[in-house]
Amino acid sequence: DPDEARRLLTEAGVSDLSLTLQVLNQQKNVTSAQIIQQQLAD
Protein backbone atom coordinates (compact mmCIF):
# COMPACT_ATOMS: atom_id res chain seq x y z
CA ASP A 1 0.00 0.00 0.00
CA PRO A 2 2.27 2.84 -1.23
CA ASP A 3 -0.25 5.51 -0.20
CA GLU A 4 -0.29 4.22 3.39
CA ALA A 5 3.51 4.11 3.28
CA ARG A 6 3.69 7.76 2.28
CA ARG A 7 1.20 8.68 5.02
CA LEU A 8 3.35 6.94 7.65
CA LEU A 9 6.48 8.75 6.47
CA THR A 10 4.66 12.08 6.64
CA GLU A 11 3.38 11.25 10.12
CA ALA A 12 6.96 10.45 11.17
CA GLY A 13 8.17 13.75 9.70
CA VAL A 14 10.56 11.99 7.34
CA SER A 15 11.41 13.09 3.81
CA ASP A 16 14.34 12.67 1.42
CA LEU A 17 15.40 9.48 3.23
CA SER A 18 18.38 7.58 1.80
CA LEU A 19 19.30 4.04 2.83
CA THR A 20 21.74 1.27 1.94
CA LEU A 21 20.60 -2.26 1.08
CA GLN A 22 23.28 -4.95 1.37
CA VAL A 23 22.92 -8.36 -0.25
CA LEU A 24 24.91 -11.45 -1.10
CA ASN A 25 26.32 -11.00 -4.58
CA GLN A 26 24.06 -13.59 -6.22
CA GLN A 27 21.72 -12.92 -9.10
CA LYS A 28 18.43 -13.55 -7.29
CA ASN A 29 19.44 -11.37 -4.36
CA VAL A 30 20.69 -8.52 -6.53
CA THR A 31 17.53 -8.67 -8.66
CA SER A 32 15.37 -8.62 -5.53
CA ALA A 33 17.32 -5.65 -4.18
CA GLN A 34 16.90 -3.71 -7.43
CA ILE A 35 13.13 -4.24 -7.30
CA ILE A 36 13.04 -3.03 -3.69
CA GLN A 37 15.13 -0.05 -4.77
CA GLN A 38 12.54 0.86 -7.42
CA GLN A 39 9.56 0.35 -5.12
CA LEU A 40 11.02 2.44 -2.29
CA ALA A 41 11.89 5.19 -4.77
CA ASP A 42 8.16 5.39 -5.47
Full PDB file with SEQRES, HELIX, SHEET, SSBOND, CRYST1, ORIGX, SCALE, CONECT and MASTER records, all heavy atoms in Angstrom:
SEQRES   1 A   42  ASP PRO ASP GLU ALA ARG ARG LEU LEU THR GLU ALA GLY          
SEQRES   2 A   42  VAL SER ASP LEU SER LEU THR LEU GLN VAL LEU ASN GLN          
SEQRES   3 A   42  GLN LYS ASN VAL THR SER ALA GLN ILE ILE GLN GLN GLN          
SEQRES   4 A   42  LEU ALA ASP                                                  
HELIX    1 AA1 PRO A    2  GLU A   11  1                                  10    
HELIX    2 AA2 GLN A   27  ALA A   41  1                                  15    
CRYST1    1.000    1.000    1.000  90.00  90.00  90.00 P 1           1          
ORIGX1      1.000000  0.000000  0.000000        0.00000                         
ORIGX2      0.000000  1.000000  0.000000        0.00000                         
ORIGX3      0.000000  0.000000  1.000000        0.00000                         
SCALE1      1.000000  0.000000  0.000000        0.00000                         
SCALE2      0.000000  1.000000  0.000000        0.00000                         
SCALE3      0.000000  0.000000  1.000000        0.00000                         
ATOM      1  N   ASP A   1       0.852  -1.191   0.000  1.00  0.00           N  
ATOM      2  CA  ASP A   1       0.000   0.000   0.000  1.00  0.00           C  
ATOM      3  C   ASP A   1       0.891   1.245   0.000  1.00  0.00           C  
ATOM      4  O   ASP A   1       1.175   1.824   1.051  1.00  0.00           O  
ATOM      5  CB  ASP A   1      -0.922  -0.004   1.225  1.00  0.00           C  
ATOM      6  CG  ASP A   1      -1.992   1.080   1.175  1.00  0.00           C  
ATOM      7  OD1 ASP A   1      -1.812   2.051   0.405  1.00  0.00           O  
ATOM      8  OD2 ASP A   1      -2.991   0.975   1.922  1.00  0.00           O  
ATOM      9  N   PRO A   2       1.363   1.683  -1.170  1.00  0.00           N  
ATOM     10  CA  PRO A   2       2.267   2.844  -1.229  1.00  0.00           C  
ATOM     11  C   PRO A   2       1.665   4.110  -0.626  1.00  0.00           C  
ATOM     12  O   PRO A   2       2.400   4.902  -0.009  1.00  0.00           O  
ATOM     13  CB  PRO A   2       2.522   3.003  -2.733  1.00  0.00           C  
ATOM     14  CG  PRO A   2       2.243   1.664  -3.323  1.00  0.00           C  
ATOM     15  CD  PRO A   2       1.146   1.090  -2.501  1.00  0.00           C  
ATOM     16  N   ASP A   3       0.364   4.304  -0.777  1.00  0.00           N  
ATOM     17  CA  ASP A   3      -0.249   5.508  -0.203  1.00  0.00           C  
ATOM     18  C   ASP A   3      -0.154   5.491   1.323  1.00  0.00           C  
ATOM     19  O   ASP A   3       0.143   6.521   1.952  1.00  0.00           O  
ATOM     20  CB  ASP A   3      -1.711   5.611  -0.640  1.00  0.00           C  
ATOM     21  CG  ASP A   3      -1.853   5.934  -2.122  1.00  0.00           C  
ATOM     22  OD1 ASP A   3      -0.907   6.529  -2.683  1.00  0.00           O  
ATOM     23  OD2 ASP A   3      -2.898   5.587  -2.708  1.00  0.00           O  
ATOM     24  N   GLU A   4      -0.416   4.339   1.935  1.00  0.00           N  
ATOM     25  CA  GLU A   4      -0.289   4.223   3.385  1.00  0.00           C  
ATOM     26  C   GLU A   4       1.169   4.412   3.799  1.00  0.00           C  
ATOM     27  O   GLU A   4       1.455   5.010   4.848  1.00  0.00           O  
ATOM     28  CB  GLU A   4      -0.800   2.858   3.854  1.00  0.00           C  
ATOM     29  CG  GLU A   4      -0.599   2.544   5.332  1.00  0.00           C  
ATOM     30  CD  GLU A   4      -1.386   3.453   6.266  1.00  0.00           C  
ATOM     31  OE1 GLU A   4      -2.207   4.259   5.787  1.00  0.00           O  
ATOM     32  OE2 GLU A   4      -1.182   3.348   7.489  1.00  0.00           O  
ATOM     33  N   ALA A   5       2.087   3.923   2.980  1.00  0.00           N  
ATOM     34  CA  ALA A   5       3.511   4.110   3.279  1.00  0.00           C  
ATOM     35  C   ALA A   5       3.876   5.590   3.290  1.00  0.00           C  
ATOM     36  O   ALA A   5       4.584   6.064   4.196  1.00  0.00           O  
ATOM     37  CB  ALA A   5       4.358   3.352   2.251  1.00  0.00           C  
ATOM     38  N   ARG A   6       3.401   6.321   2.318  1.00  0.00           N  
ATOM     39  CA  ARG A   6       3.688   7.763   2.275  1.00  0.00           C  
ATOM     40  C   ARG A   6       3.080   8.468   3.482  1.00  0.00           C  
ATOM     41  O   ARG A   6       3.683   9.381   4.061  1.00  0.00           O  
ATOM     42  CB  ARG A   6       3.152   8.364   0.979  1.00  0.00           C  
ATOM     43  CG  ARG A   6       3.841   7.836  -0.280  1.00  0.00           C  
ATOM     44  CD  ARG A   6       3.341   8.568  -1.531  1.00  0.00           C  
ATOM     45  NE  ARG A   6       3.776   7.891  -2.738  1.00  0.00           N  
ATOM     46  CZ  ARG A   6       3.051   7.025  -3.432  1.00  0.00           C  
ATOM     47  NH1 ARG A   6       1.810   6.742  -3.029  1.00  0.00           N  
ATOM     48  NH2 ARG A   6       3.531   6.448  -4.503  1.00  0.00           N  
ATOM     49  N   ARG A   7       1.860   8.066   3.870  1.00  0.00           N  
ATOM     50  CA  ARG A   7       1.205   8.680   5.024  1.00  0.00           C  
ATOM     51  C   ARG A   7       2.022   8.462   6.296  1.00  0.00           C  
ATOM     52  O   ARG A   7       2.192   9.382   7.116  1.00  0.00           O  
ATOM     53  CB  ARG A   7      -0.196   8.094   5.198  1.00  0.00           C  
ATOM     54  CG  ARG A   7      -1.024   8.807   6.283  1.00  0.00           C  
ATOM     55  CD  ARG A   7      -2.259   8.021   6.666  1.00  0.00           C  
ATOM     56  NE  ARG A   7      -1.918   6.789   7.344  1.00  0.00           N  
ATOM     57  CZ  ARG A   7      -1.539   6.721   8.625  1.00  0.00           C  
ATOM     58  NH1 ARG A   7      -1.423   7.825   9.352  1.00  0.00           N  
ATOM     59  NH2 ARG A   7      -1.265   5.561   9.178  1.00  0.00           N  
ATOM     60  N   LEU A   8       2.546   7.249   6.470  1.00  0.00           N  
ATOM     61  CA  LEU A   8       3.349   6.937   7.651  1.00  0.00           C  
ATOM     62  C   LEU A   8       4.638   7.759   7.684  1.00  0.00           C  
ATOM     63  O   LEU A   8       5.061   8.236   8.743  1.00  0.00           O  
ATOM     64  CB  LEU A   8       3.665   5.440   7.692  1.00  0.00           C  
ATOM     65  CG  LEU A   8       2.503   4.524   8.096  1.00  0.00           C  
ATOM     66  CD1 LEU A   8       2.841   3.063   7.770  1.00  0.00           C  
ATOM     67  CD2 LEU A   8       2.202   4.670   9.577  1.00  0.00           C  
ATOM     68  N   LEU A   9       5.257   7.934   6.527  1.00  0.00           N  
ATOM     69  CA  LEU A   9       6.476   8.752   6.475  1.00  0.00           C  
ATOM     70  C   LEU A   9       6.168  10.206   6.833  1.00  0.00           C  
ATOM     71  O   LEU A   9       6.927  10.856   7.565  1.00  0.00           O  
ATOM     72  CB  LEU A   9       7.114   8.670   5.092  1.00  0.00           C  
ATOM     73  CG  LEU A   9       7.775   7.340   4.705  1.00  0.00           C  
ATOM     74  CD1 LEU A   9       8.298   7.411   3.281  1.00  0.00           C  
ATOM     75  CD2 LEU A   9       8.912   6.998   5.666  1.00  0.00           C  
ATOM     76  N   THR A  10       5.055  10.699   6.321  1.00  0.00           N  
ATOM     77  CA  THR A  10       4.660  12.080   6.644  1.00  0.00           C  
ATOM     78  C   THR A  10       4.382  12.219   8.136  1.00  0.00           C  
ATOM     79  O   THR A  10       4.803  13.199   8.779  1.00  0.00           O  
ATOM     80  CB  THR A  10       3.417  12.469   5.829  1.00  0.00           C  
ATOM     81  OG1 THR A  10       3.724  12.395   4.437  1.00  0.00           O  
ATOM     82  CG2 THR A  10       2.977  13.885   6.170  1.00  0.00           C  
ATOM     83  N   GLU A  11       3.680  11.238   8.690  1.00  0.00           N  
ATOM     84  CA  GLU A  11       3.379  11.246  10.119  1.00  0.00           C  
ATOM     85  C   GLU A  11       4.655  11.238  10.957  1.00  0.00           C  
ATOM     86  O   GLU A  11       4.728  11.865  12.023  1.00  0.00           O  
ATOM     87  CB  GLU A  11       2.510  10.042  10.463  1.00  0.00           C  
ATOM     88  CG  GLU A  11       2.070   9.973  11.913  1.00  0.00           C  
ATOM     89  CD  GLU A  11       1.225   8.734  12.181  1.00  0.00           C  
ATOM     90  OE1 GLU A  11       0.233   8.534  11.447  1.00  0.00           O  
ATOM     91  OE2 GLU A  11       1.563   7.978  13.104  1.00  0.00           O  
ATOM     92  N   ALA A  12       5.684  10.528  10.462  1.00  0.00           N  
ATOM     93  CA  ALA A  12       6.959  10.452  11.173  1.00  0.00           C  
ATOM     94  C   ALA A  12       7.835  11.668  10.919  1.00  0.00           C  
ATOM     95  O   ALA A  12       8.904  11.796  11.524  1.00  0.00           O  
ATOM     96  CB  ALA A  12       7.694   9.177  10.763  1.00  0.00           C  
ATOM     97  N   GLY A  13       7.401  12.562  10.021  1.00  0.00           N  
ATOM     98  CA  GLY A  13       8.173  13.752   9.704  1.00  0.00           C  
ATOM     99  C   GLY A  13       9.435  13.457   8.924  1.00  0.00           C  
ATOM    100  O   GLY A  13      10.445  14.167   9.062  1.00  0.00           O  
ATOM    101  N   VAL A  14       9.384  12.439   8.087  1.00  0.00           N  
ATOM    102  CA  VAL A  14      10.564  11.992   7.337  1.00  0.00           C  
ATOM    103  C   VAL A  14      10.375  12.285   5.853  1.00  0.00           C  
ATOM    104  O   VAL A  14       9.341  11.958   5.267  1.00  0.00           O  
ATOM    105  CB  VAL A  14      10.810  10.483   7.544  1.00  0.00           C  
ATOM    106  CG1 VAL A  14      11.912   9.976   6.619  1.00  0.00           C  
ATOM    107  CG2 VAL A  14      11.191  10.205   8.991  1.00  0.00           C  
ATOM    108  N   SER A  15      11.392  12.878   5.251  1.00  0.00           N  
ATOM    109  CA  SER A  15      11.410  13.092   3.806  1.00  0.00           C  
ATOM    110  C   SER A  15      12.847  12.992   3.321  1.00  0.00           C  
ATOM    111  O   SER A  15      13.796  13.116   4.101  1.00  0.00           O  
ATOM    112  CB  SER A  15      10.823  14.458   3.441  1.00  0.00           C  
ATOM    113  OG  SER A  15      11.587  15.498   4.047  1.00  0.00           O  
ATOM    114  N   ASP A  16      13.007  12.770   2.032  1.00  0.00           N  
ATOM    115  CA  ASP A  16      14.343  12.667   1.416  1.00  0.00           C  
ATOM    116  C   ASP A  16      15.228  11.664   2.160  1.00  0.00           C  
ATOM    117  O   ASP A  16      16.417  11.912   2.395  1.00  0.00           O  
ATOM    118  CB  ASP A  16      15.033  14.037   1.378  1.00  0.00           C  
ATOM    119  CG  ASP A  16      14.259  15.057   0.557  1.00  0.00           C  
ATOM    120  OD1 ASP A  16      13.706  14.649  -0.485  1.00  0.00           O  
ATOM    121  OD2 ASP A  16      14.192  16.222   0.966  1.00  0.00           O  
ATOM    122  N   LEU A  17      14.648  10.512   2.515  1.00  0.00           N  
ATOM    123  CA  LEU A  17      15.401   9.481   3.231  1.00  0.00           C  
ATOM    124  C   LEU A  17      16.254   8.684   2.241  1.00  0.00           C  
ATOM    125  O   LEU A  17      15.794   8.310   1.159  1.00  0.00           O  
ATOM    126  CB  LEU A  17      14.423   8.543   3.952  1.00  0.00           C  
ATOM    127  CG  LEU A  17      15.021   7.406   4.776  1.00  0.00           C  
ATOM    128  CD1 LEU A  17      15.875   7.951   5.917  1.00  0.00           C  
ATOM    129  CD2 LEU A  17      13.907   6.509   5.319  1.00  0.00           C  
ATOM    130  N   SER A  18      17.497   8.433   2.602  1.00  0.00           N  
ATOM    131  CA  SER A  18      18.379   7.585   1.798  1.00  0.00           C  
ATOM    132  C   SER A  18      18.888   6.442   2.661  1.00  0.00           C  
ATOM    133  O   SER A  18      19.244   6.629   3.828  1.00  0.00           O  
ATOM    134  CB  SER A  18      19.560   8.390   1.244  1.00  0.00           C  
ATOM    135  OG  SER A  18      20.353   8.909   2.283  1.00  0.00           O  
ATOM    136  N   LEU A  19      18.915   5.234   2.093  1.00  0.00           N  
ATOM    137  CA  LEU A  19      19.300   4.038   2.831  1.00  0.00           C  
ATOM    138  C   LEU A  19      20.216   3.172   1.979  1.00  0.00           C  
ATOM    139  O   LEU A  19      20.241   3.294   0.745  1.00  0.00           O  
ATOM    140  CB  LEU A  19      18.061   3.227   3.222  1.00  0.00           C  
ATOM    141  CG  LEU A  19      17.057   3.889   4.167  1.00  0.00           C  
ATOM    142  CD1 LEU A  19      15.775   3.076   4.234  1.00  0.00           C  
ATOM    143  CD2 LEU A  19      17.655   4.055   5.563  1.00  0.00           C  
ATOM    144  N   THR A  20      20.945   2.269   2.641  1.00  0.00           N  
ATOM    145  CA  THR A  20      21.744   1.267   1.936  1.00  0.00           C  
ATOM    146  C   THR A  20      21.098  -0.101   2.121  1.00  0.00           C  
ATOM    147  O   THR A  20      20.558  -0.416   3.198  1.00  0.00           O  
ATOM    148  CB  THR A  20      23.186   1.224   2.463  1.00  0.00           C  
ATOM    149  OG1 THR A  20      23.169   0.952   3.868  1.00  0.00           O  
ATOM    150  CG2 THR A  20      23.893   2.538   2.201  1.00  0.00           C  
ATOM    151  N   LEU A  21      21.157  -0.903   1.075  1.00  0.00           N  
ATOM    152  CA  LEU A  21      20.604  -2.262   1.084  1.00  0.00           C  
ATOM    153  C   LEU A  21      21.716  -3.217   0.680  1.00  0.00           C  
ATOM    154  O   LEU A  21      22.187  -3.179  -0.457  1.00  0.00           O  
ATOM    155  CB  LEU A  21      19.409  -2.358   0.134  1.00  0.00           C  
ATOM    156  CG  LEU A  21      18.826  -3.751  -0.153  1.00  0.00           C  
ATOM    157  CD1 LEU A  21      18.436  -4.459   1.136  1.00  0.00           C  
ATOM    158  CD2 LEU A  21      17.629  -3.637  -1.100  1.00  0.00           C  
ATOM    159  N   GLN A  22      22.156  -4.053   1.615  1.00  0.00           N  
ATOM    160  CA  GLN A  22      23.282  -4.946   1.372  1.00  0.00           C  
ATOM    161  C   GLN A  22      22.783  -6.372   1.143  1.00  0.00           C  
ATOM    162  O   GLN A  22      21.899  -6.859   1.865  1.00  0.00           O  
ATOM    163  CB  GLN A  22      24.252  -4.885   2.552  1.00  0.00           C  
ATOM    164  CG  GLN A  22      24.765  -3.470   2.790  1.00  0.00           C  
ATOM    165  CD  GLN A  22      25.817  -3.389   3.858  1.00  0.00           C  
ATOM    166  OE1 GLN A  22      26.957  -3.783   3.648  1.00  0.00           O  
ATOM    167  NE2 GLN A  22      25.440  -2.874   5.022  1.00  0.00           N  
ATOM    168  N   VAL A  23      23.372  -7.026   0.145  1.00  0.00           N  
ATOM    169  CA  VAL A  23      22.918  -8.362  -0.248  1.00  0.00           C  
ATOM    170  C   VAL A  23      24.111  -9.218  -0.636  1.00  0.00           C  
ATOM    171  O   VAL A  23      25.161  -8.710  -1.035  1.00  0.00           O  
ATOM    172  CB  VAL A  23      21.936  -8.312  -1.440  1.00  0.00           C  
ATOM    173  CG1 VAL A  23      20.683  -7.545  -1.075  1.00  0.00           C  
ATOM    174  CG2 VAL A  23      22.595  -7.712  -2.671  1.00  0.00           C  
ATOM    175  N   LEU A  24      23.937 -10.539  -0.529  1.00  0.00           N  
ATOM    176  CA  LEU A  24      24.909 -11.453  -1.100  1.00  0.00           C  
ATOM    177  C   LEU A  24      24.958 -11.242  -2.607  1.00  0.00           C  
ATOM    178  O   LEU A  24      23.919 -11.077  -3.255  1.00  0.00           O  
ATOM    179  CB  LEU A  24      24.522 -12.902  -0.805  1.00  0.00           C  
ATOM    180  CG  LEU A  24      25.052 -13.542   0.470  1.00  0.00           C  
ATOM    181  CD1 LEU A  24      24.414 -14.910   0.670  1.00  0.00           C  
ATOM    182  CD2 LEU A  24      26.567 -13.678   0.410  1.00  0.00           C  
ATOM    183  N   ASN A  25      26.144 -11.268  -3.156  1.00  0.00           N  
ATOM    184  CA  ASN A  25      26.324 -11.000  -4.583  1.00  0.00           C  
ATOM    185  C   ASN A  25      25.943 -12.228  -5.411  1.00  0.00           C  
ATOM    186  O   ASN A  25      26.780 -12.895  -6.012  1.00  0.00           O  
ATOM    187  CB  ASN A  25      27.772 -10.593  -4.860  1.00  0.00           C  
ATOM    188  CG  ASN A  25      27.943 -10.039  -6.272  1.00  0.00           C  
ATOM    189  OD1 ASN A  25      26.961  -9.705  -6.943  1.00  0.00           O  
ATOM    190  ND2 ASN A  25      29.175  -9.950  -6.718  1.00  0.00           N  
ATOM    191  N   GLN A  26      24.644 -12.523  -5.407  1.00  0.00           N  
ATOM    192  CA  GLN A  26      24.061 -13.590  -6.219  1.00  0.00           C  
ATOM    193  C   GLN A  26      22.897 -13.003  -6.998  1.00  0.00           C  
ATOM    194  O   GLN A  26      22.225 -12.084  -6.528  1.00  0.00           O  
ATOM    195  CB  GLN A  26      23.593 -14.753  -5.330  1.00  0.00           C  
ATOM    196  CG  GLN A  26      24.727 -15.430  -4.573  1.00  0.00           C  
ATOM    197  CD  GLN A  26      24.224 -16.477  -3.599  1.00  0.00           C  
ATOM    198  OE1 GLN A  26      23.039 -16.545  -3.276  1.00  0.00           O  
ATOM    199  NE2 GLN A  26      25.133 -17.291  -3.091  1.00  0.00           N  
ATOM    200  N   GLN A  27      22.651 -13.557  -8.170  1.00  0.00           N  
ATOM    201  CA  GLN A  27      21.716 -12.923  -9.103  1.00  0.00           C  
ATOM    202  C   GLN A  27      20.350 -12.686  -8.484  1.00  0.00           C  
ATOM    203  O   GLN A  27      19.786 -11.590  -8.589  1.00  0.00           O  
ATOM    204  CB  GLN A  27      21.578 -13.754 -10.375  1.00  0.00           C  
ATOM    205  CG  GLN A  27      20.632 -13.115 -11.397  1.00  0.00           C  
ATOM    206  CD  GLN A  27      20.510 -13.939 -12.664  1.00  0.00           C  
ATOM    207  OE1 GLN A  27      21.216 -14.921 -12.848  1.00  0.00           O  
ATOM    208  NE2 GLN A  27      19.608 -13.537 -13.535  1.00  0.00           N  
ATOM    209  N   LYS A  28      19.786 -13.723  -7.825  1.00  0.00           N  
ATOM    210  CA  LYS A  28      18.427 -13.550  -7.295  1.00  0.00           C  
ATOM    211  C   LYS A  28      18.367 -12.478  -6.228  1.00  0.00           C  
ATOM    212  O   LYS A  28      17.392 -11.724  -6.134  1.00  0.00           O  
ATOM    213  CB  LYS A  28      17.894 -14.879  -6.756  1.00  0.00           C  
ATOM    214  CG  LYS A  28      18.599 -15.440  -5.551  1.00  0.00           C  
ATOM    215  CD  LYS A  28      17.887 -16.679  -5.049  1.00  0.00           C  
ATOM    216  CE  LYS A  28      18.564 -17.251  -3.800  1.00  0.00           C  
ATOM    217  NZ  LYS A  28      19.848 -17.871  -4.079  1.00  0.00           N  
ATOM    218  N   ASN A  29      19.415 -12.376  -5.412  1.00  0.00           N  
ATOM    219  CA  ASN A  29      19.440 -11.369  -4.360  1.00  0.00           C  
ATOM    220  C   ASN A  29      19.600  -9.964  -4.927  1.00  0.00           C  
ATOM    221  O   ASN A  29      18.950  -9.012  -4.478  1.00  0.00           O  
ATOM    222  CB  ASN A  29      20.568 -11.675  -3.378  1.00  0.00           C  
ATOM    223  CG  ASN A  29      20.355 -12.964  -2.638  1.00  0.00           C  
ATOM    224  OD1 ASN A  29      19.253 -13.279  -2.218  1.00  0.00           O  
ATOM    225  ND2 ASN A  29      21.422 -13.741  -2.480  1.00  0.00           N  
ATOM    226  N   VAL A  30      20.482  -9.825  -5.916  1.00  0.00           N  
ATOM    227  CA  VAL A  30      20.695  -8.517  -6.526  1.00  0.00           C  
ATOM    228  C   VAL A  30      19.429  -8.067  -7.259  1.00  0.00           C  
ATOM    229  O   VAL A  30      19.018  -6.901  -7.172  1.00  0.00           O  
ATOM    230  CB  VAL A  30      21.909  -8.549  -7.471  1.00  0.00           C  
ATOM    231  CG1 VAL A  30      22.032  -7.233  -8.232  1.00  0.00           C  
ATOM    232  CG2 VAL A  30      23.190  -8.826  -6.679  1.00  0.00           C  
ATOM    233  N   THR A  31      18.784  -9.003  -7.968  1.00  0.00           N  
ATOM    234  CA  THR A  31      17.532  -8.666  -8.659  1.00  0.00           C  
ATOM    235  C   THR A  31      16.467  -8.236  -7.662  1.00  0.00           C  
ATOM    236  O   THR A  31      15.755  -7.240  -7.866  1.00  0.00           O  
ATOM    237  CB  THR A  31      17.037  -9.866  -9.480  1.00  0.00           C  
ATOM    238  OG1 THR A  31      18.020 -10.214 -10.451  1.00  0.00           O  
ATOM    239  CG2 THR A  31      15.725  -9.536 -10.183  1.00  0.00           C  
ATOM    240  N   SER A  32      16.345  -8.977  -6.564  1.00  0.00           N  
ATOM    241  CA  SER A  32      15.367  -8.615  -5.530  1.00  0.00           C  
ATOM    242  C   SER A  32      15.657  -7.233  -4.972  1.00  0.00           C  
ATOM    243  O   SER A  32      14.739  -6.414  -4.766  1.00  0.00           O  
ATOM    244  CB  SER A  32      15.406  -9.646  -4.392  1.00  0.00           C  
ATOM    245  OG  SER A  32      15.058 -10.935  -4.858  1.00  0.00           O  
ATOM    246  N   ALA A  33      16.940  -6.947  -4.728  1.00  0.00           N  
ATOM    247  CA  ALA A  33      17.317  -5.652  -4.182  1.00  0.00           C  
ATOM    248  C   ALA A  33      16.992  -4.519  -5.150  1.00  0.00           C  
ATOM    249  O   ALA A  33      16.552  -3.433  -4.744  1.00  0.00           O  
ATOM    250  CB  ALA A  33      18.806  -5.646  -3.842  1.00  0.00           C  
ATOM    251  N   GLN A  34      17.193  -4.745  -6.440  1.00  0.00           N  
ATOM    252  CA  GLN A  34      16.896  -3.714  -7.432  1.00  0.00           C  
ATOM    253  C   GLN A  34      15.396  -3.420  -7.503  1.00  0.00           C  
ATOM    254  O   GLN A  34      14.990  -2.270  -7.688  1.00  0.00           O  
ATOM    255  CB  GLN A  34      17.440  -4.138  -8.789  1.00  0.00           C  
ATOM    256  CG  GLN A  34      18.963  -4.131  -8.851  1.00  0.00           C  
ATOM    257  CD  GLN A  34      19.514  -4.796 -10.093  1.00  0.00           C  
ATOM    258  OE1 GLN A  34      18.828  -5.582 -10.757  1.00  0.00           O  
ATOM    259  NE2 GLN A  34      20.763  -4.501 -10.417  1.00  0.00           N  
ATOM    260  N   ILE A  35      14.574  -4.456  -7.324  1.00  0.00           N  
ATOM    261  CA  ILE A  35      13.128  -4.241  -7.296  1.00  0.00           C  
ATOM    262  C   ILE A  35      12.734  -3.438  -6.061  1.00  0.00           C  
ATOM    263  O   ILE A  35      11.941  -2.485  -6.128  1.00  0.00           O  
ATOM    264  CB  ILE A  35      12.388  -5.588  -7.340  1.00  0.00           C  
ATOM    265  CG1 ILE A  35      12.597  -6.249  -8.703  1.00  0.00           C  
ATOM    266  CG2 ILE A  35      10.904  -5.406  -7.045  1.00  0.00           C  
ATOM    267  CD1 ILE A  35      12.157  -7.676  -8.764  1.00  0.00           C  
ATOM    268  N   ILE A  36      13.301  -3.789  -4.917  1.00  0.00           N  
ATOM    269  CA  ILE A  36      13.043  -3.031  -3.690  1.00  0.00           C  
ATOM    270  C   ILE A  36      13.494  -1.590  -3.860  1.00  0.00           C  
ATOM    271  O   ILE A  36      12.815  -0.644  -3.428  1.00  0.00           O  
ATOM    272  CB  ILE A  36      13.752  -3.713  -2.500  1.00  0.00           C  
ATOM    273  CG1 ILE A  36      13.068  -5.047  -2.185  1.00  0.00           C  
ATOM    274  CG2 ILE A  36      13.757  -2.802  -1.269  1.00  0.00           C  
ATOM    275  CD1 ILE A  36      13.809  -5.904  -1.177  1.00  0.00           C  
ATOM    276  N   GLN A  37      14.621  -1.401  -4.496  1.00  0.00           N  
ATOM    277  CA  GLN A  37      15.133  -0.050  -4.769  1.00  0.00           C  
ATOM    278  C   GLN A  37      14.106   0.765  -5.552  1.00  0.00           C  
ATOM    279  O   GLN A  37      13.818   1.925  -5.225  1.00  0.00           O  
ATOM    280  CB  GLN A  37      16.444  -0.167  -5.545  1.00  0.00           C  
ATOM    281  CG  GLN A  37      17.128   1.137  -5.887  1.00  0.00           C  
ATOM    282  CD  GLN A  37      18.350   0.892  -6.754  1.00  0.00           C  
ATOM    283  OE1 GLN A  37      18.297   0.184  -7.763  1.00  0.00           O  
ATOM    284  NE2 GLN A  37      19.476   1.473  -6.357  1.00  0.00           N  
ATOM    285  N   GLN A  38      13.529   0.171  -6.589  1.00  0.00           N  
ATOM    286  CA  GLN A  38      12.542   0.862  -7.420  1.00  0.00           C  
ATOM    287  C   GLN A  38      11.266   1.154  -6.630  1.00  0.00           C  
ATOM    288  O   GLN A  38      10.697   2.247  -6.726  1.00  0.00           O  
ATOM    289  CB  GLN A  38      12.223   0.011  -8.648  1.00  0.00           C  
ATOM    290  CG  GLN A  38      13.404  -0.163  -9.597  1.00  0.00           C  
ATOM    291  CD  GLN A  38      13.140  -1.227 -10.636  1.00  0.00           C  
ATOM    292  OE1 GLN A  38      12.039  -1.785 -10.720  1.00  0.00           O  
ATOM    293  NE2 GLN A  38      14.154  -1.541 -11.442  1.00  0.00           N  
ATOM    294  N   GLN A  39      10.817   0.180  -5.837  1.00  0.00           N  
ATOM    295  CA  GLN A  39       9.559   0.355  -5.116  1.00  0.00           C  
ATOM    296  C   GLN A  39       9.690   1.395  -3.999  1.00  0.00           C  
ATOM    297  O   GLN A  39       8.758   2.164  -3.756  1.00  0.00           O  
ATOM    298  CB  GLN A  39       9.094  -0.995  -4.569  1.00  0.00           C  
ATOM    299  CG  GLN A  39       8.693  -1.962  -5.684  1.00  0.00           C  
ATOM    300  CD  GLN A  39       8.250  -3.320  -5.167  1.00  0.00           C  
ATOM    301  OE1 GLN A  39       8.591  -3.732  -4.054  1.00  0.00           O  
ATOM    302  NE2 GLN A  39       7.485  -4.035  -5.977  1.00  0.00           N  
ATOM    303  N   LEU A  40      10.838   1.428  -3.334  1.00  0.00           N  
ATOM    304  CA  LEU A  40      11.016   2.440  -2.292  1.00  0.00           C  
ATOM    305  C   LEU A  40      11.209   3.827  -2.898  1.00  0.00           C  
ATOM    306  O   LEU A  40      10.837   4.832  -2.283  1.00  0.00           O  
ATOM    307  CB  LEU A  40      12.188   2.064  -1.385  1.00  0.00           C  
ATOM    308  CG  LEU A  40      11.960   0.837  -0.490  1.00  0.00           C  
ATOM    309  CD1 LEU A  40      13.161   0.604   0.416  1.00  0.00           C  
ATOM    310  CD2 LEU A  40      10.697   0.994   0.350  1.00  0.00           C  
ATOM    311  N   ALA A  41      11.776   3.887  -4.093  1.00  0.00           N  
ATOM    312  CA  ALA A  41      11.891   5.186  -4.772  1.00  0.00           C  
ATOM    313  C   ALA A  41      10.512   5.781  -5.021  1.00  0.00           C  
ATOM    314  O   ALA A  41      10.345   7.017  -5.008  1.00  0.00           O  
ATOM    315  CB  ALA A  41      12.651   5.030  -6.078  1.00  0.00           C  
ATOM    316  N   ASP A  42       9.518   4.931  -5.201  1.00  0.00           N  
ATOM    317  CA  ASP A  42       8.156   5.394  -5.471  1.00  0.00           C  
ATOM    318  C   ASP A  42       7.555   6.137  -4.281  1.00  0.00           C  
ATOM    319  O   ASP A  42       6.616   6.918  -4.449  1.00  0.00           O  
ATOM    320  CB  ASP A  42       7.276   4.197  -5.853  1.00  0.00           C  
ATOM    321  CG  ASP A  42       5.884   4.606  -6.298  1.00  0.00           C  
ATOM    322  OD1 ASP A  42       5.778   5.558  -7.091  1.00  0.00           O  
ATOM    323  OD2 ASP A  42       4.907   3.978  -5.829  1.00  0.00           O  
TER     324      ASP A  42                                                      
MASTER        0    0    0    2    0    0    0    6  323    1    0    4          
END                                                                             
